[in-house]
Each structure stands twice: as structure tokens, then as C-alpha cells.
Amino acid sequence: MVGILTTLSALLSAAVEDDDCPVTVNPAKRLVKLLKDPNASKSRRLKNDKFFTADEVPVLLAVAREHSPEWYPFCLCGLRTGMRMGELLGLQWGDIDWRRSFIHVQRAWVRKAWTTPKSGTDRTVDMSSQLRAELRLWRRKQASTWLSRGLSRPELVFPSRALTPHDDSKVRKFYLAILKKADLRHRNLHAMRHTFISLLLQHGESPAYVQKQAGHQSMDITINVYGHFIPGGNREAVNKLDDAVPARLQRTA
């Protein structure tokens, strides 16, 4: 029974995190906690087919820029902010703070309806210099494109031709075409988010910072799913404790 519930809980947790579930809380998690050995591991280690490696990211972006330039800013934004697909589709220009270089994530477009971010609360995510520059360029291009059609620039950062958020199926279609052209193994759109989180941890950023950027409801999600990306401890680190003690108080060997 515990094994069945554990599997069910893992599937529901992944669905909740991936916006594939109508509920925001995993209903099976409480049952697992009641039946499972409290000392057993709770890790949901992220599998290799769920994210892109550091070497694959530039390949994906290069192919998107060359073959689907209209989707390049979307891919870059996903890989540099970790925003969920619904959050990317609902992003508006007014959400971007250019002076302080961050994006205010406060809505999502999911199943053709507006909703709040998965965590239920808004958050701010930092923009890299590259992303900031690319979005500025994209804004100018958007203004020029829509002006040529006799319309003002849409409020959405990534609008459809009908000035509405893109349909999920269209986004997936372009995304899969880019993966095929780049000769990259199939991964779903959520892989961009997984990649952002895993690379931040591999570069030594604190789990607390990553949790805030990703909008995880708790540190448990960050650690249980992505903890194996945190670099191992440095054996010389203990010497820093010695350095913090005045030499006159240290006993000689």
C-alpha cells in the first residue's frame, strides 16, 4: 500500500508542479506521511530527461534564434527565469521593472483561463543582462510590427496574432520543432523551468534564493527534487572555522 501511495503521490506532485493538475495541493501526500516510515527518504530526484544540460542550452537557443526568431525571446525568458508556461503566456510588459531588472510574476494563462501562479502568490524573478537586452529589443520589434498593422503594441509580451495568449498546442508545436531541428532529445516545455533551477544550484546559488525565484511553496520541493544538483562539500571548508579564531587562542599541535 505504501508503495502504491508513494507512486501516486510522486505523479500528483509532478502534475501539480507542471500545471497539469486542477488542484494546487497534492491530496496523496498526507496519506503517504501517515503510512510511510518517517525515516525513509522523500527524495523525488529529477531525471535526466526532464532538463537540459549546460551544453545543450546554447544549442537550443541558437537554433531558436536562427529558425524560429519569433520564439527566441520566449525560449530565452523560460530558460533565464524558470517561469512556468502559463506564467510566460500571461506575461505583460507592465510586469517588467526595467530599472531594477526583475519581472513581477502575478498571473498565468492555464487551460484558456486566467489564474494566479501555481504557488497561489505572486513573486519577483531577476532578469539577467542578456534577457533584459533581448526583451527590450523584442519590445521595439513588437511595436514596429503592430504599428505596421495599424494597431498599438499589445500588452502581452508574447501575444498571438489575435492579441490573445497563445494556445498551449501551438506553443508545444513550435517547441518540438526546435528540439528536432537542434537534434536534442525530447523534453516537455517544463524542462526549461527545470533547467533554470538545476543550473542555478549547480552554479552554487543558495537553495533559499532558488526557491524564491522558482516560486516553490516550500524549501522541501526545492531540496527533494533538485537537491542532487547542489555541489558537494569542500573538505577544506572546515579550515575556515580555524581562520575565524584568533591565532592567540589556537592551540598548537
C-alpha atoms as a PDB file:
ATOM      1  CA  MET A   1       0.000   0.000   0.000  1.00  0.00           C
ATOM      2  CA  VAL A   2       2.801   2.409   0.878  1.00  0.00           C
ATOM      3  CA  GLY A   3       4.485   1.767  -2.463  1.00  0.00           C
ATOM      4  CA  ILE A   4       1.296   2.455  -4.385  1.00  0.00           C
ATOM      5  CA  LEU A   5       0.616   5.668  -2.471  1.00  0.00           C
ATOM      6  CA  THR A   6       4.216   6.793  -2.895  1.00  0.00           C
ATOM      7  CA  THR A   7       3.999   6.347  -6.669  1.00  0.00           C
ATOM      8  CA  LEU A   8       0.632   8.107  -6.793  1.00  0.00           C
ATOM      9  CA  SER A   9       1.936  10.955  -4.654  1.00  0.00           C
ATOM     10  CA  ALA A  10       5.002  11.406  -6.880  1.00  0.00           C
ATOM     11  CA  LEU A  11       2.834  11.531 -10.010  1.00  0.00           C
ATOM     12  CA  LEU A  12       0.421  14.036  -8.475  1.00  0.00           C
ATOM     13  CA  SER A  13       3.258  16.207  -7.168  1.00  0.00           C
ATOM     14  CA  ALA A  14       4.785  16.333 -10.642  1.00  0.00           C
ATOM     15  CA  ALA A  15       1.380  17.172 -12.151  1.00  0.00           C
ATOM     16  CA  VAL A  16       0.773  19.953  -9.622  1.00  0.00           C
ATOM     17  CA  GLU A  17       4.210  21.435 -10.256  1.00  0.00           C
ATOM     18  CA  ASP A  18       3.790  21.153 -14.057  1.00  0.00           C
ATOM     19  CA  ASP A  19       0.355  22.826 -14.155  1.00  0.00           C
ATOM     20  CA  ASP A  20      -1.151  19.518 -15.323  1.00  0.00           C
ATOM     21  CA  CYS A  21      -3.484  19.121 -12.353  1.00  0.00           C
ATOM     22  CA  PRO A  22      -6.601  21.151 -11.470  1.00  0.00           C
ATOM     23  CA  VAL A  23      -5.644  21.192  -7.770  1.00  0.00           C
ATOM     24  CA  THR A  24      -2.776  23.111  -6.216  1.00  0.00           C
ATOM     25  CA  VAL A  25      -2.043  20.687  -3.360  1.00  0.00           C
ATOM     26  CA  ASN A  26      -1.167  17.004  -3.673  1.00  0.00           C
ATOM     27  CA  PRO A  27      -4.017  15.146  -1.860  1.00  0.00           C
ATOM     28  CA  ALA A  28      -1.999  11.930  -1.589  1.00  0.00           C
ATOM     29  CA  LYS A  29       0.930  13.466   0.261  1.00  0.00           C
ATOM     30  CA  ARG A  30      -0.794  13.402   3.652  1.00  0.00           C
ATOM     31  CA  LEU A  31      -1.652   9.704   3.299  1.00  0.00           C
ATOM     32  CA  VAL A  32       1.932   8.864   2.452  1.00  0.00           C
ATOM     33  CA  LYS A  33       3.144  10.710   5.534  1.00  0.00           C
ATOM     34  CA  LEU A  34       0.721   8.718   7.695  1.00  0.00           C
ATOM     35  CA  LEU A  35       1.722   5.317   6.345  1.00  0.00           C
ATOM     36  CA  LYS A  36       5.349   5.739   5.396  1.00  0.00           C
ATOM     37  CA  ASP A  37       8.306   5.247   7.698  1.00  0.00           C
ATOM     38  CA  PRO A  38       9.176   8.787   8.849  1.00  0.00           C
ATOM     39  CA  ASN A  39      12.854   7.954   8.469  1.00  0.00           C
ATOM     40  CA  ALA A  40      12.516   6.841   4.833  1.00  0.00           C
ATOM     41  CA  SER A  41      13.830   9.020   2.014  1.00  0.00           C
ATOM     42  CA  LYS A  42      11.383  11.508   0.474  1.00  0.00           C
ATOM     43  CA  SER A  43      13.559  12.417  -2.475  1.00  0.00           C
ATOM     44  CA  ARG A  44      11.951  12.909  -5.907  1.00  0.00           C
ATOM     45  CA  ARG A  45      15.254  13.208  -7.753  1.00  0.00           C
ATOM     46  CA  LEU A  46      14.806  14.941 -11.114  1.00  0.00           C
ATOM     47  CA  LYS A  47      15.524  12.560 -14.002  1.00  0.00           C
ATOM     48  CA  ASN A  48      17.922  13.427 -16.808  1.00  0.00           C
ATOM     49  CA  ASP A  49      15.165  13.544 -19.412  1.00  0.00           C
ATOM     50  CA  LYS A  50      13.443  16.397 -17.583  1.00  0.00           C
ATOM     51  CA  PHE A  51      16.030  19.143 -18.078  1.00  0.00           C
ATOM     52  CA  PHE A  52      18.687  20.421 -20.479  1.00  0.00           C
ATOM     53  CA  THR A  53      22.379  20.307 -19.663  1.00  0.00           C
ATOM     54  CA  ALA A  54      24.575  23.395 -19.645  1.00  0.00           C
ATOM     55  CA  ASP A  55      25.953  22.334 -23.052  1.00  0.00           C
ATOM     56  CA  GLU A  56      22.504  21.842 -24.582  1.00  0.00           C
ATOM     57  CA  VAL A  57      21.085  25.241 -23.603  1.00  0.00           C
ATOM     58  CA  PRO A  58      23.165  27.316 -26.080  1.00  0.00           C
ATOM     59  CA  VAL A  59      22.345  24.806 -28.837  1.00  0.00           C
ATOM     60  CA  LEU A  60      18.620  25.167 -28.177  1.00  0.00           C
ATOM     61  CA  LEU A  61      18.831  28.963 -28.121  1.00  0.00           C
ATOM     62  CA  ALA A  62      20.972  29.152 -31.255  1.00  0.00           C
ATOM     63  CA  VAL A  63      18.525  27.014 -33.240  1.00  0.00           C
ATOM     64  CA  ALA A  64      15.553  29.006 -31.943  1.00  0.00           C
ATOM     65  CA  ARG A  65      17.211  32.287 -32.935  1.00  0.00           C
ATOM     66  CA  GLU A  66      18.050  31.040 -36.439  1.00  0.00           C
ATOM     67  CA  HIS A  67      14.954  29.047 -37.359  1.00  0.00           C
ATOM     68  CA  SER A  68      12.191  30.492 -35.146  1.00  0.00           C
ATOM     69  CA  PRO A  69      13.295  34.044 -34.269  1.00  0.00           C
ATOM     70  CA  GLU A  70       9.758  34.960 -33.229  1.00  0.00           C
ATOM     71  CA  TRP A  71      10.000  32.343 -30.482  1.00  0.00           C
ATOM     72  CA  TYR A  72      13.585  33.000 -29.402  1.00  0.00           C
ATOM     73  CA  PRO A  73      12.643  35.608 -26.729  1.00  0.00           C
ATOM     74  CA  PHE A  74      10.085  33.159 -25.323  1.00  0.00           C
ATOM     75  CA  CYS A  75      12.689  30.386 -25.004  1.00  0.00           C
ATOM     76  CA  LEU A  76      15.276  32.718 -23.513  1.00  0.00           C
ATOM     77  CA  CYS A  77      12.781  34.035 -20.985  1.00  0.00           C
ATOM     78  CA  GLY A  78      11.834  30.499 -19.953  1.00  0.00           C
ATOM     79  CA  LEU A  79      15.441  29.398 -19.564  1.00  0.00           C
ATOM     80  CA  ARG A  80      16.558  32.548 -17.730  1.00  0.00           C
ATOM     81  CA  THR A  81      13.637  32.961 -15.307  1.00  0.00           C
ATOM     82  CA  GLY A  82      12.215  29.484 -14.724  1.00  0.00           C
ATOM     83  CA  MET A  83       8.700  30.820 -15.240  1.00  0.00           C
ATOM     84  CA  ARG A  84       6.052  28.183 -15.903  1.00  0.00           C
ATOM     85  CA  MET A  85       4.488  28.101 -19.369  1.00  0.00           C
ATOM     86  CA  GLY A  86       1.230  29.631 -18.128  1.00  0.00           C
ATOM     87  CA  GLU A  87       3.199  32.439 -16.482  1.00  0.00           C
ATOM     88  CA  LEU A  88       5.117  33.097 -19.715  1.00  0.00           C
ATOM     89  CA  LEU A  89       1.913  33.174 -21.756  1.00  0.00           C
ATOM     90  CA  GLY A  90       0.354  35.623 -19.289  1.00  0.00           C
ATOM     91  CA  LEU A  91       3.381  37.915 -19.016  1.00  0.00           C
ATOM     92  CA  GLN A  92       2.637  41.588 -19.706  1.00  0.00           C
ATOM     93  CA  TRP A  93       5.002  44.472 -20.396  1.00  0.00           C
ATOM     94  CA  GLY A  94       3.785  46.220 -17.266  1.00  0.00           C
ATOM     95  CA  ASP A  95       5.133  43.315 -15.201  1.00  0.00           C
ATOM     96  CA  ILE A  96       8.708  44.166 -16.133  1.00  0.00           C
ATOM     97  CA  ASP A  97      10.727  46.548 -13.975  1.00  0.00           C
ATOM     98  CA  TRP A  98      13.464  47.661 -16.376  1.00  0.00           C
ATOM     99  CA  ARG A  99      15.288  49.867 -13.887  1.00  0.00           C
ATOM    100  CA  ARG A 100      15.636  47.199 -11.208  1.00  0.00           C
ATOM    101  CA  SER A 101      15.829  44.297 -13.678  1.00  0.00           C
ATOM    102  CA  PHE A 102      13.137  42.000 -12.425  1.00  0.00           C
ATOM    103  CA  ILE A 103       9.818  40.564 -13.558  1.00  0.00           C
ATOM    104  CA  HIS A 104       6.732  40.618 -11.364  1.00  0.00           C
ATOM    105  CA  VAL A 105       5.028  37.243 -11.854  1.00  0.00           C
ATOM    106  CA  GLN A 106       1.411  37.756 -10.862  1.00  0.00           C
ATOM    107  CA  ARG A 107      -0.801  35.813 -13.284  1.00  0.00           C
ATOM    108  CA  ALA A 108      -0.903  32.745 -15.516  1.00  0.00           C
ATOM    109  CA  TRP A 109      -2.872  31.638 -18.565  1.00  0.00           C
ATOM    110  CA  VAL A 110      -3.833  27.998 -17.966  1.00  0.00           C
ATOM    111  CA  ARG A 111      -6.470  25.987 -19.835  1.00  0.00           C
ATOM    112  CA  LYS A 112      -7.674  29.116 -21.643  1.00  0.00           C
ATOM    113  CA  ALA A 113      -8.377  30.956 -18.395  1.00  0.00           C
ATOM    114  CA  TRP A 114      -6.598  33.496 -16.200  1.00  0.00           C
ATOM    115  CA  THR A 115      -5.414  32.301 -12.823  1.00  0.00           C
ATOM    116  CA  THR A 116      -2.796  33.015 -10.169  1.00  0.00           C
ATOM    117  CA  PRO A 117       0.694  31.493 -10.237  1.00  0.00           C
ATOM    118  CA  LYS A 118       0.844  27.868  -9.098  1.00  0.00           C
ATOM    119  CA  SER A 119       2.021  28.800  -5.599  1.00  0.00           C
ATOM    120  CA  GLY A 120      -1.067  30.976  -5.169  1.00  0.00           C
ATOM    121  CA  THR A 121       1.005  34.108  -4.601  1.00  0.00           C
ATOM    122  CA  ASP A 122       2.906  36.477  -6.859  1.00  0.00           C
ATOM    123  CA  ARG A 123       6.691  36.740  -6.845  1.00  0.00           C
ATOM    124  CA  THR A 124       9.548  38.623  -8.462  1.00  0.00           C
ATOM    125  CA  VAL A 125      12.218  36.952 -10.577  1.00  0.00           C
ATOM    126  CA  ASP A 126      15.511  38.548 -11.502  1.00  0.00           C
ATOM    127  CA  MET A 127      16.367  39.261 -15.139  1.00  0.00           C
ATOM    128  CA  SER A 128      19.830  38.521 -16.477  1.00  0.00           C
ATOM    129  CA  SER A 129      21.522  41.222 -18.521  1.00  0.00           C
ATOM    130  CA  GLN A 130      21.109  39.139 -21.666  1.00  0.00           C
ATOM    131  CA  LEU A 131      17.395  38.639 -21.097  1.00  0.00           C
ATOM    132  CA  ARG A 132      16.835  42.296 -20.282  1.00  0.00           C
ATOM    133  CA  ALA A 133      18.532  43.378 -23.514  1.00  0.00           C
ATOM    134  CA  GLU A 134      16.665  40.806 -25.595  1.00  0.00           C
ATOM    135  CA  LEU A 135      13.274  41.773 -24.170  1.00  0.00           C
ATOM    136  CA  ARG A 136      13.958  45.441 -24.872  1.00  0.00           C
ATOM    137  CA  LEU A 137      14.762  44.551 -28.478  1.00  0.00           C
ATOM    138  CA  TRP A 138      11.657  42.349 -28.680  1.00  0.00           C
ATOM    139  CA  ARG A 139       9.500  45.204 -27.379  1.00  0.00           C
ATOM    140  CA  ARG A 140      10.773  47.507 -30.128  1.00  0.00           C
ATOM    141  CA  LYS A 141      10.147  44.842 -32.777  1.00  0.00           C
ATOM    142  CA  GLN A 142       6.648  44.227 -31.442  1.00  0.00           C
ATOM    143  CA  ALA A 143       5.842  47.937 -31.521  1.00  0.00           C
ATOM    144  CA  SER A 144       7.035  48.185 -35.137  1.00  0.00           C
ATOM    145  CA  THR A 145       5.159  45.054 -36.229  1.00  0.00           C
ATOM    146  CA  TRP A 146       1.830  46.058 -34.771  1.00  0.00           C
ATOM    147  CA  LEU A 147       2.195  49.668 -35.913  1.00  0.00           C
ATOM    148  CA  SER A 148       2.517  48.383 -39.493  1.00  0.00           C
ATOM    149  CA  ARG A 149      -0.876  46.748 -38.981  1.00  0.00           C
ATOM    150  CA  GLY A 150      -2.358  49.966 -37.703  1.00  0.00           C
ATOM    151  CA  LEU A 151      -2.508  48.745 -34.128  1.00  0.00           C
ATOM    152  CA  SER A 152      -0.752  49.672 -30.909  1.00  0.00           C
ATOM    153  CA  ARG A 153       1.629  47.239 -29.266  1.00  0.00           C
ATOM    154  CA  PRO A 154      -0.229  44.515 -27.310  1.00  0.00           C
ATOM    155  CA  GLU A 155       0.042  44.440 -23.539  1.00  0.00           C
ATOM    156  CA  LEU A 156       1.099  40.778 -23.670  1.00  0.00           C
ATOM    157  CA  VAL A 157       4.807  40.152 -24.142  1.00  0.00           C
ATOM    158  CA  PHE A 158       4.174  37.025 -26.234  1.00  0.00           C
ATOM    159  CA  PRO A 159       0.778  37.563 -27.937  1.00  0.00           C
ATOM    160  CA  SER A 160      -0.907  35.576 -30.687  1.00  0.00           C
ATOM    161  CA  ARG A 161      -1.967  37.264 -33.916  1.00  0.00           C
ATOM    162  CA  ALA A 162      -5.398  37.639 -32.326  1.00  0.00           C
ATOM    163  CA  LEU A 163      -3.844  39.645 -29.475  1.00  0.00           C
ATOM    164  CA  THR A 164      -4.698  36.837 -27.032  1.00  0.00           C
ATOM    165  CA  PRO A 165      -2.406  34.419 -25.191  1.00  0.00           C
ATOM    166  CA  HIS A 166      -1.118  31.597 -27.383  1.00  0.00           C
ATOM    167  CA  ASP A 167      -2.854  28.236 -27.305  1.00  0.00           C
ATOM    168  CA  ASP A 168      -0.852  25.560 -25.482  1.00  0.00           C
ATOM    169  CA  SER A 169      -0.867  23.257 -28.509  1.00  0.00           C
ATOM    170  CA  LYS A 170       0.742  25.898 -30.735  1.00  0.00           C
ATOM    171  CA  VAL A 171       3.489  26.576 -28.215  1.00  0.00           C
ATOM    172  CA  ARG A 172       4.249  22.864 -27.924  1.00  0.00           C
ATOM    173  CA  LYS A 173       4.307  22.523 -31.706  1.00  0.00           C
ATOM    174  CA  PHE A 174       6.945  25.200 -32.223  1.00  0.00           C
ATOM    175  CA  TYR A 175       8.933  23.926 -29.234  1.00  0.00           C
ATOM    176  CA  LEU A 176       9.069  20.337 -30.502  1.00  0.00           C
ATOM    177  CA  ALA A 177      10.077  21.600 -33.946  1.00  0.00           C
ATOM    178  CA  ILE A 178      13.026  23.458 -32.395  1.00  0.00           C
ATOM    179  CA  LEU A 179      14.129  20.363 -30.453  1.00  0.00           C
ATOM    180  CA  LYS A 180      14.002  18.291 -33.626  1.00  0.00           C
ATOM    181  CA  LYS A 181      15.952  20.860 -35.612  1.00  0.00           C
ATOM    182  CA  ALA A 182      18.540  21.072 -32.815  1.00  0.00           C
ATOM    183  CA  ASP A 183      18.750  17.266 -32.656  1.00  0.00           C
ATOM    184  CA  LEU A 184      18.007  17.360 -28.937  1.00  0.00           C
ATOM    185  CA  ARG A 185      16.238  14.609 -27.047  1.00  0.00           C
ATOM    186  CA  HIS A 186      12.523  15.143 -26.461  1.00  0.00           C
ATOM    187  CA  ARG A 187      11.612  17.001 -23.269  1.00  0.00           C
ATOM    188  CA  ASN A 188       8.410  18.816 -22.421  1.00  0.00           C
ATOM    189  CA  LEU A 189       8.144  22.584 -22.117  1.00  0.00           C
ATOM    190  CA  HIS A 190       8.537  22.413 -18.356  1.00  0.00           C
ATOM    191  CA  ALA A 191      12.143  21.334 -18.996  1.00  0.00           C
ATOM    192  CA  MET A 192      13.083  24.999 -19.409  1.00  0.00           C
ATOM    193  CA  ARG A 193      11.971  25.631 -15.831  1.00  0.00           C
ATOM    194  CA  HIS A 194      13.758  22.536 -14.550  1.00  0.00           C
ATOM    195  CA  THR A 195      16.892  23.636 -16.407  1.00  0.00           C
ATOM    196  CA  PHE A 196      16.837  27.114 -14.862  1.00  0.00           C
ATOM    197  CA  ILE A 197      16.556  25.702 -11.339  1.00  0.00           C
ATOM    198  CA  SER A 198      19.133  22.946 -11.777  1.00  0.00           C
ATOM    199  CA  LEU A 199      21.725  25.259 -13.356  1.00  0.00           C
ATOM    200  CA  LEU A 200      21.358  27.859 -10.614  1.00  0.00           C
ATOM    201  CA  LEU A 201      22.060  25.203  -7.986  1.00  0.00           C
ATOM    202  CA  GLN A 202      24.983  23.793  -9.980  1.00  0.00           C
ATOM    203  CA  HIS A 203      26.464  27.292 -10.074  1.00  0.00           C
ATOM    204  CA  GLY A 204      26.389  27.436  -6.290  1.00  0.00           C
ATOM    205  CA  GLU A 205      23.347  29.623  -5.660  1.00  0.00           C
ATOM    206  CA  SER A 206      21.663  29.042  -2.314  1.00  0.00           C
ATOM    207  CA  PRO A 207      18.528  26.844  -2.214  1.00  0.00           C
ATOM    208  CA  ALA A 208      16.744  29.710  -0.444  1.00  0.00           C
ATOM    209  CA  TYR A 209      17.368  32.039  -3.400  1.00  0.00           C
ATOM    210  CA  VAL A 210      16.385  29.351  -5.898  1.00  0.00           C
ATOM    211  CA  GLN A 211      13.169  28.609  -4.004  1.00  0.00           C
ATOM    212  CA  LYS A 212      12.231  32.288  -4.135  1.00  0.00           C
ATOM    213  CA  GLN A 213      12.994  32.590  -7.844  1.00  0.00           C
ATOM    214  CA  ALA A 214      11.118  29.395  -8.723  1.00  0.00           C
ATOM    215  CA  GLY A 215       8.128  30.194  -6.544  1.00  0.00           C
ATOM    216  CA  HIS A 216       8.145  26.836  -4.785  1.00  0.00           C
ATOM    217  CA  GLN A 217       5.673  26.645  -1.916  1.00  0.00           C
ATOM    218  CA  SER A 218       8.342  25.256   0.394  1.00  0.00           C
ATOM    219  CA  MET A 219      12.040  24.520   0.571  1.00  0.00           C
ATOM    220  CA  ASP A 220      11.153  20.802   0.652  1.00  0.00           C
ATOM    221  CA  ILE A 221      10.235  20.896  -3.046  1.00  0.00           C
ATOM    222  CA  THR A 222      13.490  22.591  -3.975  1.00  0.00           C
ATOM    223  CA  ILE A 223      15.626  20.159  -1.976  1.00  0.00           C
ATOM    224  CA  ASN A 224      13.713  16.943  -2.675  1.00  0.00           C
ATOM    225  CA  VAL A 225      13.543  17.440  -6.429  1.00  0.00           C
ATOM    226  CA  TYR A 226      16.740  19.363  -7.150  1.00  0.00           C
ATOM    227  CA  GLY A 227      18.975  18.729  -4.147  1.00  0.00           C
ATOM    228  CA  HIS A 228      21.313  16.424  -6.063  1.00  0.00           C
ATOM    229  CA  PHE A 229      22.391  19.398  -8.195  1.00  0.00           C
ATOM    230  CA  ILE A 230      23.882  21.168  -5.178  1.00  0.00           C
ATOM    231  CA  PRO A 231      27.693  20.840  -5.398  1.00  0.00           C
ATOM    232  CA  GLY A 232      29.304  18.568  -2.826  1.00  0.00           C
ATOM    233  CA  GLY A 233      31.010  19.994   0.218  1.00  0.00           C
ATOM    234  CA  ASN A 234      34.578  21.212   0.114  1.00  0.00           C
ATOM    235  CA  ARG A 235      36.744  19.209   2.520  1.00  0.00           C
ATOM    236  CA  GLU A 236      38.871  22.282   3.112  1.00  0.00           C
ATOM    237  CA  ALA A 237      35.833  24.253   4.266  1.00  0.00           C
ATOM    238  CA  VAL A 238      36.402  23.263   7.888  1.00  0.00           C
ATOM    239  CA  ASN A 239      39.629  25.260   7.843  1.00  0.00           C
ATOM    240  CA  LYS A 240      37.534  28.428   7.563  1.00  0.00           C
ATOM    241  CA  LEU A 241      36.401  27.760  11.111  1.00  0.00           C
ATOM    242  CA  ASP A 242      40.028  27.860  12.235  1.00  0.00           C
ATOM    243  CA  ASP A 243      40.568  31.134  10.388  1.00  0.00           C
ATOM    244  CA  ALA A 244      37.716  32.682  12.341  1.00  0.00           C
ATOM    245  CA  VAL A 245      39.511  32.022  15.653  1.00  0.00           C
ATOM    246  CA  PRO A 246      42.263  34.456  16.670  1.00  0.00           C
ATOM    247  CA  ALA A 247      45.684  32.854  16.364  1.00  0.00           C
ATOM    248  CA  ARG A 248      46.489  33.541  20.021  1.00  0.00           C
ATOM    249  CA  LEU A 249      43.579  31.325  21.057  1.00  0.00           C
ATOM    250  CA  GLN A 250      44.521  28.405  18.824  1.00  0.00           C
ATOM    251  CA  ARG A 251      46.401  25.570  20.479  1.00  0.00           C
ATOM    252  CA  THR A 252      49.491  24.361  18.684  1.00  0.00           C
ATOM    253  CA  ALA A 253      49.762  20.693  17.833  1.00  0.00           C
END
